[in-house]
Amino acid sequence: MGKFNFKDEQDFQNVKNDADSFYQTIGEIYCPYFKEKIAFNAKGLKHLKFKSNRQARPRKDQYSRLKLIRFAPEALKQSHTL
């Protein structure tokens, strides 16, 4: 199994629940590149899970995005160039 392959439905749900809980604690992060605060709100979390309003991303795609969300705040804080 690769790092971003979930073993079973329970593994996926655990990562999803952990990411949801973590995401709600972020709030806003100042991004030096954009020179403004980036809001981590419900719209952003929905973007991680859905491609469009009614089309969910594949579970494997959701899993990798949700598993890596904990690095997003620090990446934004340190971003100075594209």
Protein backbone atom coordinates (compact mmCIF):
# COMPACT_ATOMS: atom_id res chain seq x y z
CA MET A 1 0.00 0.00 0.00
CA GLY A 2 1.24 3.46 -0.88
CA LYS A 3 1.27 6.37 1.51
CA PHE A 4 -1.94 7.82 0.04
CA ASN A 5 -3.90 4.61 -0.38
CA PHE A 6 -6.41 3.95 2.33
CA LYS A 7 -6.79 0.41 3.62
CA ASP A 8 -10.53 0.36 4.20
CA GLU A 9 -13.54 2.58 4.79
CA GLN A 10 -12.64 3.02 8.46
CA ASP A 11 -9.18 4.34 7.56
CA PHE A 12 -10.76 6.84 5.14
CA GLN A 13 -13.30 7.95 7.76
CA ASN A 14 -10.58 8.41 10.39
CA VAL A 15 -8.52 10.64 8.09
CA LYS A 16 -11.65 12.54 7.05
CA ASN A 17 -12.74 13.14 10.66
CA ASP A 18 -9.23 14.19 11.73
CA ALA A 19 -8.95 16.58 8.78
CA ASP A 20 -12.41 18.06 9.46
CA SER A 21 -11.51 18.68 13.10
CA PHE A 22 -8.12 20.19 12.23
CA TYR A 23 -9.55 22.34 9.42
CA GLN A 24 -12.05 23.94 11.79
CA THR A 25 -9.22 25.06 14.10
CA ILE A 26 -7.22 26.89 11.41
CA GLY A 27 -9.35 29.99 10.86
CA GLU A 28 -7.25 32.48 8.87
CA ILE A 29 -3.57 32.41 7.89
CA TYR A 30 -1.63 35.40 6.57
CA CYS A 31 0.02 34.63 3.22
CA PRO A 32 3.03 36.84 2.36
CA TYR A 33 2.67 36.12 -1.36
CA PHE A 34 -0.93 37.36 -1.56
CA LYS A 35 -0.31 39.94 1.19
CA GLU A 36 -3.61 39.05 2.82
CA LYS A 37 -5.22 36.53 5.11
CA ILE A 38 -6.48 33.30 3.62
CA ALA A 39 -9.67 31.99 5.22
CA PHE A 40 -10.04 28.28 5.88
CA ASN A 41 -13.82 28.15 5.81
CA ALA A 42 -16.56 25.70 4.84
CA LYS A 43 -16.16 26.60 1.18
CA GLY A 44 -12.50 25.52 1.23
CA LEU A 45 -13.26 22.25 2.97
CA LYS A 46 -15.98 21.55 0.41
CA HIS A 47 -13.42 22.19 -2.35
CA LEU A 48 -11.20 19.45 -0.90
CA LYS A 49 -14.06 16.96 -1.11
CA PHE A 50 -15.95 18.00 -4.27
CA LYS A 51 -15.04 18.96 -7.84
CA SER A 52 -18.34 20.77 -8.34
CA ASN A 53 -21.55 21.17 -6.39
CA ARG A 54 -22.77 17.67 -7.06
CA GLN A 55 -19.68 15.74 -8.09
CA ALA A 56 -17.54 14.35 -5.29
CA ARG A 57 -13.85 13.86 -5.90
CA PRO A 58 -12.74 10.22 -6.01
CA ARG A 59 -12.05 8.87 -2.51
CA LYS A 60 -8.37 8.36 -3.28
CA ASP A 61 -8.09 12.04 -4.27
CA GLN A 62 -10.00 13.16 -1.16
CA TYR A 63 -7.85 10.95 1.03
CA SER A 64 -4.56 12.45 -0.16
CA ARG A 65 -5.87 16.03 0.09
CA LEU A 66 -7.30 15.49 3.57
CA LYS A 67 -4.18 13.69 4.76
CA LEU A 68 -1.96 16.61 3.67
CA ILE A 69 -4.17 19.46 4.92
CA ARG A 70 -2.13 19.74 8.12
CA PHE A 71 0.78 21.15 6.05
CA ALA A 72 -1.27 23.88 4.35
CA PRO A 73 -1.08 26.57 7.07
CA GLU A 74 2.71 26.39 7.31
CA ALA A 75 3.10 26.29 3.52
CA LEU A 76 1.00 29.46 3.21
CA LYS A 77 2.92 31.24 5.97
CA GLN A 78 6.21 30.56 4.17
CA SER A 79 5.10 31.25 0.60
CA HIS A 80 6.89 34.21 -0.93
CA THR A 81 7.04 33.18 -4.61
CA LEU A 82 5.11 30.97 -7.01
